[in-house]
Every structure is written in structure tokens, then in C-alpha cells.
Amino acid sequence: MAPVNITSIKTASSGLWQGDNPLDFAFPLLIVQSTLIIVVSRFLAFLLKPLHQPKVIAEIAGGILLGPSAFGRNKYYLHKIFPSWSTPILETVASIGLLFFLFLVGIELDLSSVRRRSGRSAFGIALAGISLPFLCGIGVAVVLRRTIDGSDKAGFSQFVVFMGVSLSITAFPVLARILAELKLLTTRVGEIAMAAAALNDVAAWILLALAVALASDGDDGHKKSPLVSIWVLLSGVAFVAFMMVVIRPAMNWVARLSSPEQDAIDEAYICLTLAGVMVSGFITDLIGIHSIFGAFVFGLTIPKGGQFAERLIERIEDFVSGLLLPLYFASSGLKTDVAKIHGGGAWGLLVLVISIACAGKILGTFAVAMLFMIPARESLTLGVLMNTKGLVELIVLNIGKEKKVS
């Protein structure tokens, strides 16, 4: 996609009577895009309801349907409704929804309960869930380099790391959405899956930082140091420690002061808390970890089960889950162009990559879960849940594409 000159984008039109086409302006176009995405995704969710599929499936499918794979085959429609210059705007609004959704997930996740019920099993599952698929990714990378013309232009180490990361990570936001919709967040399986996925996600961002350092030169032409990943890890640990040692007691104090009888004070605390979500997201983005990690950790600092947490959830849950979050998952589908996959060889490689990614994640998780004496059915459920894909993989693949690695 060509670089967008953000200064040339105008927000609001003067209307048809003054000769302006609203679709050439950012805000009216965003309204049209949002309406289309919500209507199509809700319709698909209605069709998929008898199959007991979560809404996130309908939202991603809706994005694919609205994107270049289906309706977008009509170039006039694609350039008018989803022009390339509008993509950063749509994704920015969608990312705000994702940020606050992970904050809500953090509020609902009780760390003490996770430690009590998950403990070492979550760590073991996370380790197996990222190491075995990563090794499988190395094997896939070797096969692809020998099969696809031009794949040897990238360095072998960069190609292997990108392939390993993209196959081994679990999509934490997508998993959280599925567990929340299926009412599994507070169950044993849900808590183990969330704890393991959180550990998996942190490891993924560290590996991604290493992959970026290996794959890219700095803006000044100097090679980025692979030690970047170590600094990301140390900074991330320091951030979590600060949030738990300093911010968590502060939020306990805020929750005690806040009460329904003092609406003005309560409103001020809620506004400060919502601002805290964005500040936390900015700090982790500054570190080199995705902003959703900061929002999630900030959510963990909110006292569980009290009126303050309930009021926070009441204020933002419907708006985030009903409007903003579908935009994010649909935007993932909008980037997909199935038509670019042509020929039996390409489809065969696609099936190979998907099969190995699924087998490595499910079998690795299942085996370790069984070692921790988790029943076979729950172990298999954990394997399938840990195989959830989404956000991080897309970011990894986009970075790999930019750096001409994948």
C-alpha cells in the first residue's frame, strides 16, 4: 500500500448540495464502513447461530466478504467504500475497541483464582504451546524455501524466526472474545487457557522484537541489535511489576472512595481510569509490546467483584463489544484476498502450513495438559483453544511482508 499523506485527508464534507461526495471524506466514509460491517457481521452471526459459532467468526467472515475476496472484486466498490487511504482510520478506531476489550478481560480475570487453579499447568501449557509449533515452523520454513521461487532472498535466520513466530503464537484477544461469549472465562479450562495464552503472548512479542531486529536495518542504516528482545523483556517485566506494586493499591483506594451516592466523584474516577487504559497502552507500545498488553495488565489492577468494577463494565462493555470490536475483526478479514492463492501447488502449501500449525499447537498442549493430570476432554479443549489465531499473526506477517522476509 502506498504511503498516505495524512494532511491531505479531510474529515467532514460540505454535503451534496455544495458538490461534495461524502465518501471522499474520512468521517462520513467511516460511518458507512462501520454500518456495512455491523450489518453484514450481524447477519452472518444470525446465519451461524444454529452452528453455535462465536460472533468473532462472523465478523472475520464479514470482513472477507466485504473485502477484495468477494464484493471487492468490483474495483469501483472497493475504491469508493474501502479505499486504501481510509484503512489507517478504520484500524485506529477498531484498535481503540480492542484496547478497551482487553481492559474488560483484565477486569474479569481474577489473578488469585488463576494462580490457585492454574499454577504450573498454565506455564507448562504455554511453554509447550509455543515451543513445539516453533520447531514445526522451522521445518515448514525449510520446505517453503526449497519450494517457492524467490523465498531465498531473505536471510535464513530471519525467515525461520518469522515462520516460527507466526505458527506458534495464540491470539489472546480472539481467545478472550470466544471464552467471554461462551461464558467460559471463569471456568477451569478458561482460566488455564487465558493464563497460558497471556504467557504465550508475552513470549510472542519478545520473539517478534527479535525477528524485527534480525530482519531490519535502522533508519540510519545501522543494524538493529538482537539484544532489543532482552530490553523488551526487561522493560515489560518492570512495567508489570510497577502496575502490581504501585497502581494496584492505588486502584484499590480509588474503588473504596468511589460510591454510587457521589455521582460527580464517581464520574471523575471512571474518567481517570479510562484515561489510564490508554496511558498503559501507550507505555507498552513505547516498550515494544503491543498496546493491548498494557490495557490488559491495567485491567488486572482493578479490584474484582466490587461496585467500581461493575460500573466500569456497565459503562463501556456494550459500546465496545457491540460497535468497536466488530470493526477490528472485520478489518482483519478486509486484508484477506483469497483470489491471490492460485494453482494446486499454492493451495497444497497452504494446507500444509495450516495442518502443521494446528497439529503442533493442539498435540503439544494436549500432551502437557495430560501430564498435569487434566482430563482428556479438557486437555483436548485446551489444545483447540490455544490454537486460536488472529491479531499477533497478522502483525507478524505484515511486518515480514514489509521487511521482504515473508
Protein backbone atom coordinates (compact mmCIF):
# COMPACT_ATOMS: atom_id res chain seq x y z
CA MET A 1 0.00 0.00 0.00
CA ALA A 2 1.34 3.43 -0.93
CA PRO A 3 2.12 5.86 1.91
CA VAL A 4 -0.84 8.01 2.91
CA ASN A 5 -0.39 11.77 3.16
CA ILE A 6 -2.46 12.31 6.28
CA THR A 7 -2.54 16.10 5.83
CA SER A 8 -4.49 15.66 2.57
CA ILE A 9 -7.34 13.74 4.27
CA LYS A 10 -10.32 15.92 5.13
CA THR A 11 -12.66 14.93 7.94
CA ALA A 12 -16.11 16.28 7.04
CA SER A 13 -17.82 17.15 3.76
CA SER A 14 -19.94 20.21 2.98
CA GLY A 15 -22.73 17.98 1.61
CA LEU A 16 -24.08 17.01 -1.79
CA TRP A 17 -25.74 20.41 -2.35
CA GLN A 18 -22.30 22.04 -2.36
CA GLY A 19 -20.84 19.44 -4.70
CA ASP A 20 -19.04 17.24 -2.16
CA ASN A 21 -19.21 13.46 -2.25
CA PRO A 22 -19.33 12.33 1.42
CA LEU A 23 -17.43 9.15 0.52
CA ASP A 24 -14.37 11.27 -0.26
CA PHE A 25 -14.18 12.44 3.37
CA ALA A 26 -12.94 10.47 6.37
CA PHE A 27 -15.81 10.72 8.87
CA PRO A 28 -18.81 10.07 6.58
CA LEU A 29 -16.89 7.18 4.99
CA LEU A 30 -16.12 5.74 8.43
CA ILE A 31 -19.86 5.83 9.24
CA VAL A 32 -20.68 3.95 6.01
CA GLN A 33 -17.90 1.40 6.60
CA SER A 34 -18.95 0.81 10.22
CA THR A 35 -22.61 0.41 9.27
CA LEU A 36 -21.79 -2.05 6.49
CA ILE A 37 -19.51 -4.10 8.73
CA ILE A 38 -22.01 -4.28 11.60
CA VAL A 39 -24.98 -5.16 9.35
CA VAL A 40 -23.09 -7.86 7.42
CA SER A 41 -21.42 -9.35 10.51
CA ARG A 42 -24.72 -9.43 12.45
CA PHE A 43 -26.46 -11.10 9.51
CA LEU A 44 -23.71 -13.73 9.28
CA ALA A 45 -23.84 -14.22 13.07
CA PHE A 46 -27.59 -14.91 12.74
CA LEU A 47 -26.91 -17.49 10.00
CA LEU A 48 -24.14 -19.16 12.04
CA LYS A 49 -26.11 -19.21 15.30
CA PRO A 50 -27.53 -22.75 14.74
CA LEU A 51 -23.90 -23.95 14.41
CA HIS A 52 -23.04 -22.34 17.80
CA GLN A 53 -20.23 -20.28 16.26
CA PRO A 54 -18.96 -17.22 18.22
CA LYS A 55 -19.59 -13.77 16.76
CA VAL A 56 -15.89 -13.26 16.03
CA ILE A 57 -16.15 -15.89 13.25
CA ALA A 58 -18.99 -13.93 11.64
CA GLU A 59 -17.06 -10.67 12.00
CA ILE A 60 -13.92 -12.00 10.29
CA ALA A 61 -16.06 -13.70 7.60
CA GLY A 62 -17.91 -10.40 7.11
CA GLY A 63 -14.60 -8.61 6.55
CA ILE A 64 -13.55 -11.23 3.98
CA LEU A 65 -16.93 -10.89 2.25
CA LEU A 66 -16.71 -7.07 2.12
CA GLY A 67 -13.03 -7.11 1.13
CA PRO A 68 -11.14 -7.97 -2.08
CA SER A 69 -12.05 -11.68 -1.87
CA ALA A 70 -15.76 -11.13 -2.66
CA PHE A 71 -17.51 -7.75 -3.04
CA GLY A 72 -14.11 -6.10 -3.51
CA ARG A 73 -13.67 -7.90 -6.83
CA ASN A 74 -15.66 -4.91 -8.07
CA LYS A 75 -12.89 -2.29 -8.14
CA TYR A 76 -15.30 0.67 -8.16
CA TYR A 77 -16.91 -0.55 -4.92
CA LEU A 78 -13.53 -1.28 -3.31
CA HIS A 79 -12.01 2.11 -4.16
CA LYS A 80 -15.13 4.00 -3.08
CA ILE A 81 -16.13 2.16 0.12
CA PHE A 82 -12.75 0.81 1.32
CA PRO A 83 -10.08 3.00 -0.34
CA SER A 84 -6.50 2.46 0.81
CA TRP A 85 -6.32 5.91 2.44
CA SER A 86 -9.18 5.02 4.81
CA THR A 87 -7.53 1.84 6.17
CA PRO A 88 -5.42 3.54 8.91
CA ILE A 89 -8.51 5.46 10.12
CA LEU A 90 -10.71 2.35 10.34
CA GLU A 91 -7.95 0.36 12.04
CA THR A 92 -7.28 3.15 14.55
CA VAL A 93 -10.92 3.28 15.64
CA ALA A 94 -11.04 -0.53 15.73
CA SER A 95 -7.85 -0.68 17.81
CA ILE A 96 -9.42 1.56 20.46
CA GLY A 97 -12.20 -1.01 20.77
CA LEU A 98 -9.64 -3.81 21.07
CA LEU A 99 -7.75 -1.85 23.73
CA PHE A 100 -10.82 -1.43 25.93
CA PHE A 101 -11.98 -5.00 25.33
CA LEU A 102 -8.67 -6.34 26.71
CA PHE A 103 -9.10 -3.95 29.65
CA LEU A 104 -12.51 -5.55 30.32
CA VAL A 105 -10.95 -9.02 30.06
CA GLY A 106 -8.35 -7.96 32.65
CA ILE A 107 -11.12 -6.77 34.98
CA GLU A 108 -12.97 -10.08 34.73
CA LEU A 109 -9.85 -12.24 35.13
CA ASP A 110 -9.08 -12.94 38.80
CA LEU A 111 -5.31 -13.46 39.14
CA SER A 112 -5.55 -15.10 42.56
CA SER A 113 -8.05 -17.61 41.17
CA VAL A 114 -5.83 -18.26 38.14
CA ARG A 115 -2.79 -18.87 40.36
CA ARG A 116 -4.81 -21.14 42.62
CA ARG A 117 -6.45 -23.18 39.87
CA SER A 118 -3.88 -22.98 37.04
CA GLY A 119 -0.43 -22.53 38.57
CA ARG A 120 2.34 -24.55 36.94
CA SER A 121 -0.04 -26.12 34.41
CA ALA A 122 -0.56 -22.77 32.65
CA PHE A 123 3.20 -22.21 32.41
CA GLY A 124 3.79 -25.74 31.10
CA ILE A 125 1.00 -25.44 28.54
CA ALA A 126 2.30 -22.05 27.38
CA LEU A 127 5.83 -23.43 27.00
CA ALA A 128 4.67 -26.49 25.03
CA GLY A 129 2.21 -24.41 23.03
CA ILE A 130 4.94 -22.13 21.72
CA SER A 131 7.99 -24.44 21.51
CA LEU A 132 6.60 -27.40 19.53
CA PRO A 133 4.84 -25.24 16.88
CA PHE A 134 8.00 -23.08 16.67
CA LEU A 135 10.03 -26.20 15.84
CA CYS A 136 7.36 -27.17 13.30
CA GLY A 137 7.67 -23.66 11.85
CA ILE A 138 11.39 -24.22 11.28
CA GLY A 139 10.57 -27.36 9.29
CA VAL A 140 7.93 -25.51 7.27
CA ALA A 141 10.40 -22.68 6.58
CA VAL A 142 12.90 -25.17 5.13
CA VAL A 143 10.21 -26.69 2.88
CA LEU A 144 8.97 -23.28 1.68
CA ARG A 145 12.48 -22.03 0.89
CA ARG A 146 13.05 -25.06 -1.32
CA THR A 147 9.62 -24.83 -2.97
CA ILE A 148 8.78 -21.15 -3.52
CA ASP A 149 10.79 -19.14 -6.04
CA GLY A 150 12.46 -16.08 -4.55
CA SER A 151 12.00 -17.14 -0.91
CA ASP A 152 15.78 -17.48 -0.52
CA LYS A 153 16.25 -13.72 -0.98
CA ALA A 154 15.68 -13.23 2.75
CA GLY A 155 18.25 -14.45 5.26
CA PHE A 156 17.60 -17.95 6.60
CA SER A 157 17.56 -16.92 10.29
CA GLN A 158 15.04 -14.12 9.66
CA PHE A 159 12.79 -16.38 7.59
CA VAL A 160 12.89 -19.15 10.22
CA VAL A 161 12.11 -16.80 13.13
CA PHE A 162 9.19 -15.15 11.32
CA MET A 163 7.75 -18.52 10.29
CA GLY A 164 8.22 -19.98 13.78
CA VAL A 165 6.58 -17.00 15.49
CA SER A 166 3.60 -16.88 13.12
CA LEU A 167 2.89 -20.60 13.63
CA SER A 168 3.43 -20.79 17.39
CA ILE A 169 1.54 -17.89 18.94
CA THR A 170 -2.00 -17.79 20.31
CA ALA A 171 -4.31 -14.86 19.51
CA PHE A 172 -5.02 -13.60 23.02
CA PRO A 173 -7.79 -11.09 22.05
CA VAL A 174 -9.63 -13.63 19.88
CA LEU A 175 -9.37 -16.32 22.57
CA ALA A 176 -10.66 -13.86 25.17
CA ARG A 177 -13.62 -12.96 22.94
CA ILE A 178 -14.51 -16.63 22.34
CA LEU A 179 -14.26 -17.52 26.05
CA ALA A 180 -16.32 -14.46 27.04
CA GLU A 181 -19.08 -15.28 24.54
CA LEU A 182 -19.20 -18.95 25.56
CA LYS A 183 -19.23 -17.98 29.29
CA LEU A 184 -16.01 -19.94 29.87
CA LEU A 185 -13.79 -17.16 31.27
CA THR A 186 -14.29 -18.17 34.90
CA THR A 187 -14.19 -21.95 34.34
CA ARG A 188 -11.08 -24.04 35.00
CA VAL A 189 -10.43 -24.54 31.28
CA GLY A 190 -11.00 -20.83 30.57
CA GLU A 191 -8.66 -19.66 33.32
CA ILE A 192 -5.88 -22.06 32.32
CA ALA A 193 -6.30 -21.10 28.65
CA MET A 194 -6.23 -17.36 29.45
CA ALA A 195 -3.18 -17.66 31.72
CA ALA A 196 -1.30 -19.81 29.18
CA ALA A 197 -2.30 -17.50 26.31
CA ALA A 198 -1.13 -14.43 28.26
CA LEU A 199 2.29 -16.05 28.84
CA ASN A 200 2.31 -17.18 25.22
CA ASP A 201 1.52 -13.65 24.04
CA VAL A 202 4.35 -12.08 26.05
CA ALA A 203 6.79 -14.64 24.63
CA ALA A 204 5.44 -13.91 21.15
CA TRP A 205 6.11 -10.17 21.43
CA ILE A 206 9.66 -10.88 22.64
CA LEU A 207 10.24 -13.23 19.69
CA LEU A 208 8.68 -10.67 17.36
CA ALA A 209 11.08 -8.00 18.65
CA LEU A 210 13.95 -10.41 17.95
CA ALA A 211 12.58 -11.14 14.46
CA VAL A 212 12.29 -7.43 13.65
CA ALA A 213 15.82 -6.82 14.95
CA LEU A 214 17.15 -9.64 12.76
CA ALA A 215 15.16 -8.59 9.70
CA SER A 216 15.62 -4.86 9.55
CA ASP A 217 18.17 -2.12 9.44
CA GLY A 218 17.64 1.03 11.42
CA ASP A 219 16.57 4.27 9.77
CA ASP A 220 20.19 5.40 9.86
CA GLY A 221 21.35 2.26 8.05
CA HIS A 222 22.78 0.53 11.12
CA LYS A 223 21.76 -2.99 12.01
CA LYS A 224 19.41 -3.26 14.99
CA SER A 225 20.84 -5.34 17.83
CA PRO A 226 19.20 -8.70 18.64
CA LEU A 227 19.58 -7.59 22.29
CA VAL A 228 16.46 -5.49 21.62
CA SER A 229 14.34 -8.51 22.62
CA ILE A 230 16.09 -8.66 26.02
CA TRP A 231 15.37 -4.97 26.64
CA VAL A 232 11.75 -5.54 25.62
CA LEU A 233 11.51 -8.41 28.13
CA LEU A 234 13.13 -6.46 30.99
CA SER A 235 11.02 -3.36 30.30
CA GLY A 236 7.86 -5.48 30.14
CA VAL A 237 8.67 -7.14 33.48
CA ALA A 238 9.37 -3.72 35.04
CA PHE A 239 6.04 -2.40 33.70
CA VAL A 240 4.08 -5.35 35.15
CA ALA A 241 5.90 -5.01 38.49
CA PHE A 242 5.13 -1.27 38.65
CA MET A 243 1.46 -1.88 37.84
CA MET A 244 1.10 -4.55 40.52
CA VAL A 245 3.15 -2.83 43.25
CA VAL A 246 2.09 0.81 42.73
CA ILE A 247 -1.04 1.06 40.57
CA ARG A 248 -2.95 -1.90 42.03
CA PRO A 249 -3.03 -0.46 45.60
CA ALA A 250 -3.92 2.94 44.12
CA MET A 251 -6.89 1.41 42.26
CA ASN A 252 -8.00 -0.33 45.47
CA TRP A 253 -8.02 3.09 47.14
CA VAL A 254 -9.98 4.60 44.22
CA ALA A 255 -12.53 1.77 44.39
CA ARG A 256 -13.07 2.37 48.12
CA LEU A 257 -13.57 6.12 47.61
CA SER A 258 -15.93 5.69 44.68
CA SER A 259 -19.59 5.22 45.55
CA PRO A 260 -22.92 5.47 43.69
CA GLU A 261 -24.11 8.17 46.12
CA GLN A 262 -21.37 10.57 44.93
CA ASP A 263 -22.03 10.71 41.20
CA ALA A 264 -19.66 13.60 40.44
CA ILE A 265 -16.71 11.97 42.23
CA ASP A 266 -17.57 8.57 40.77
CA GLU A 267 -17.64 10.05 37.25
CA ALA A 268 -14.22 11.64 37.76
CA TYR A 269 -12.69 8.35 38.92
CA ILE A 270 -14.18 6.45 36.00
CA CYS A 271 -12.85 9.03 33.51
CA LEU A 272 -9.38 8.86 35.08
CA THR A 273 -9.50 5.06 34.91
CA LEU A 274 -10.44 5.10 31.22
CA ALA A 275 -7.58 7.53 30.57
CA GLY A 276 -5.33 5.12 32.47
CA VAL A 277 -6.22 2.39 29.97
CA MET A 278 -4.88 4.49 27.11
CA VAL A 279 -1.78 5.62 29.03
CA SER A 280 -0.97 1.98 29.87
CA GLY A 281 -1.42 1.04 26.22
CA PHE A 282 0.88 3.86 25.14
CA ILE A 283 3.60 2.81 27.60
CA THR A 284 3.67 -0.82 26.42
CA ASP A 285 3.66 0.38 22.82
CA LEU A 286 6.65 2.55 23.73
CA ILE A 287 8.39 -0.51 25.19
CA GLY A 288 7.83 -2.54 22.03
CA ILE A 289 4.97 -4.72 23.25
CA HIS A 290 1.53 -4.19 21.71
CA SER A 291 -0.67 -1.63 23.48
CA ILE A 292 -3.33 -4.26 24.26
CA PHE A 293 -0.93 -5.85 26.75
CA GLY A 294 -0.81 -2.62 28.75
CA ALA A 295 -4.59 -2.32 28.76
CA PHE A 296 -4.93 -5.94 29.90
CA VAL A 297 -2.44 -5.50 32.76
CA PHE A 298 -4.21 -2.29 33.84
CA GLY A 299 -7.48 -4.25 33.92
CA LEU A 300 -5.83 -6.75 36.28
CA THR A 301 -5.19 -3.92 38.78
CA ILE A 302 -8.92 -3.17 39.18
CA PRO A 303 -10.40 -4.76 42.36
CA LYS A 304 -12.58 -7.76 41.47
CA GLY A 305 -16.23 -8.16 42.33
CA GLY A 306 -16.81 -4.65 43.69
CA GLN A 307 -19.26 -1.95 42.59
CA PHE A 308 -16.50 0.08 40.92
CA ALA A 309 -15.61 -2.78 38.56
CA GLU A 310 -19.29 -3.40 37.82
CA ARG A 311 -19.88 0.26 36.92
CA LEU A 312 -16.83 0.30 34.65
CA ILE A 313 -18.12 -2.78 32.81
CA GLU A 314 -21.63 -1.29 32.55
CA ARG A 315 -20.30 1.97 31.07
CA ILE A 316 -18.19 0.54 28.26
CA GLU A 317 -19.00 -3.14 27.57
CA ASP A 318 -21.94 -2.75 25.17
CA PHE A 319 -20.34 0.07 23.17
CA VAL A 320 -17.02 -1.77 22.85
CA SER A 321 -18.36 -5.28 22.16
CA GLY A 322 -21.29 -4.18 20.01
CA LEU A 323 -19.72 -1.47 17.85
CA LEU A 324 -15.93 -1.07 18.07
CA LEU A 325 -14.76 -4.67 18.38
CA PRO A 326 -16.54 -5.94 15.23
CA LEU A 327 -14.61 -3.27 13.29
CA TYR A 328 -11.31 -4.76 14.41
CA PHE A 329 -12.09 -8.35 13.48
CA ALA A 330 -13.72 -7.27 10.21
CA SER A 331 -10.63 -5.20 9.34
CA SER A 332 -8.61 -8.43 9.62
CA GLY A 333 -10.90 -10.02 7.04
CA LEU A 334 -10.71 -6.95 4.79
CA LYS A 335 -6.96 -7.54 4.36
CA THR A 336 -7.52 -11.06 3.02
CA ASP A 337 -7.58 -11.71 -0.73
CA VAL A 338 -8.28 -15.38 -1.37
CA ALA A 339 -8.06 -14.79 -5.15
CA LYS A 340 -4.28 -14.34 -4.86
CA ILE A 341 -3.93 -18.03 -3.99
CA HIS A 342 -3.98 -19.86 -7.34
CA GLY A 343 -2.66 -23.18 -8.56
CA GLY A 344 -2.65 -26.60 -6.93
CA GLY A 345 0.86 -26.13 -5.54
CA ALA A 346 -0.07 -22.92 -3.68
CA TRP A 347 -3.20 -24.50 -2.18
CA GLY A 348 -1.17 -27.58 -1.21
CA LEU A 349 1.40 -25.45 0.63
CA LEU A 350 -1.43 -23.54 2.35
CA VAL A 351 -2.98 -26.80 3.59
CA LEU A 352 0.47 -28.00 4.73
CA VAL A 353 1.16 -24.84 6.75
CA ILE A 354 -2.31 -24.85 8.36
CA SER A 355 -2.15 -28.57 9.18
CA ILE A 356 1.30 -28.37 10.77
CA ALA A 357 0.40 -25.23 12.74
CA CYS A 358 -2.78 -26.83 14.12
CA ALA A 359 -1.18 -30.22 14.82
CA GLY A 360 1.83 -28.72 16.62
CA LYS A 361 -0.27 -26.46 18.83
CA ILE A 362 -3.04 -28.96 19.65
CA LEU A 363 -0.80 -32.01 20.20
CA GLY A 364 1.77 -30.07 22.25
CA THR A 365 -0.89 -28.55 24.50
CA PHE A 366 -2.80 -31.84 24.81
CA ALA A 367 0.29 -33.83 25.82
CA VAL A 368 1.41 -31.36 28.51
CA ALA A 369 -2.15 -30.94 29.86
CA MET A 370 -2.40 -34.72 30.25
CA LEU A 371 0.92 -34.70 32.16
CA PHE A 372 -0.66 -32.25 34.60
CA MET A 373 -3.49 -34.75 35.18
CA ILE A 374 -6.10 -32.65 33.36
CA PRO A 375 -8.89 -34.91 31.97
CA ALA A 376 -8.51 -35.89 28.30
CA ARG A 377 -11.60 -33.95 27.17
CA GLU A 378 -10.45 -30.74 28.89
CA SER A 379 -6.91 -31.27 27.57
CA LEU A 380 -8.21 -31.52 24.01
CA THR A 381 -10.40 -28.43 24.59
CA LEU A 382 -7.31 -26.54 25.79
CA GLY A 383 -5.41 -27.65 22.70
CA VAL A 384 -8.13 -26.35 20.39
CA LEU A 385 -8.47 -23.08 22.35
CA MET A 386 -4.71 -22.47 22.30
CA ASN A 387 -4.81 -22.93 18.53
CA THR A 388 -6.80 -19.68 18.20
CA LYS A 389 -5.21 -17.37 15.62
CA GLY A 390 -5.64 -13.66 14.90
CA LEU A 391 -4.04 -10.36 15.88
CA VAL A 392 -0.37 -11.15 16.51
CA GLU A 393 -0.05 -13.43 13.49
CA LEU A 394 -1.38 -10.68 11.22
CA ILE A 395 1.10 -8.20 12.68
CA VAL A 396 3.97 -10.69 12.29
CA LEU A 397 3.03 -11.41 8.68
CA ASN A 398 2.58 -7.70 7.85
CA ILE A 399 6.00 -6.86 9.31
CA GLY A 400 7.52 -9.81 7.47
CA LYS A 401 5.98 -8.57 4.23
CA GLU A 402 7.26 -5.03 4.82
CA LYS A 403 10.77 -6.35 5.51
CA LYS A 404 10.53 -8.69 2.48
CA VAL A 405 11.01 -11.72 4.71
CA SER A 406 7.68 -13.47 4.04
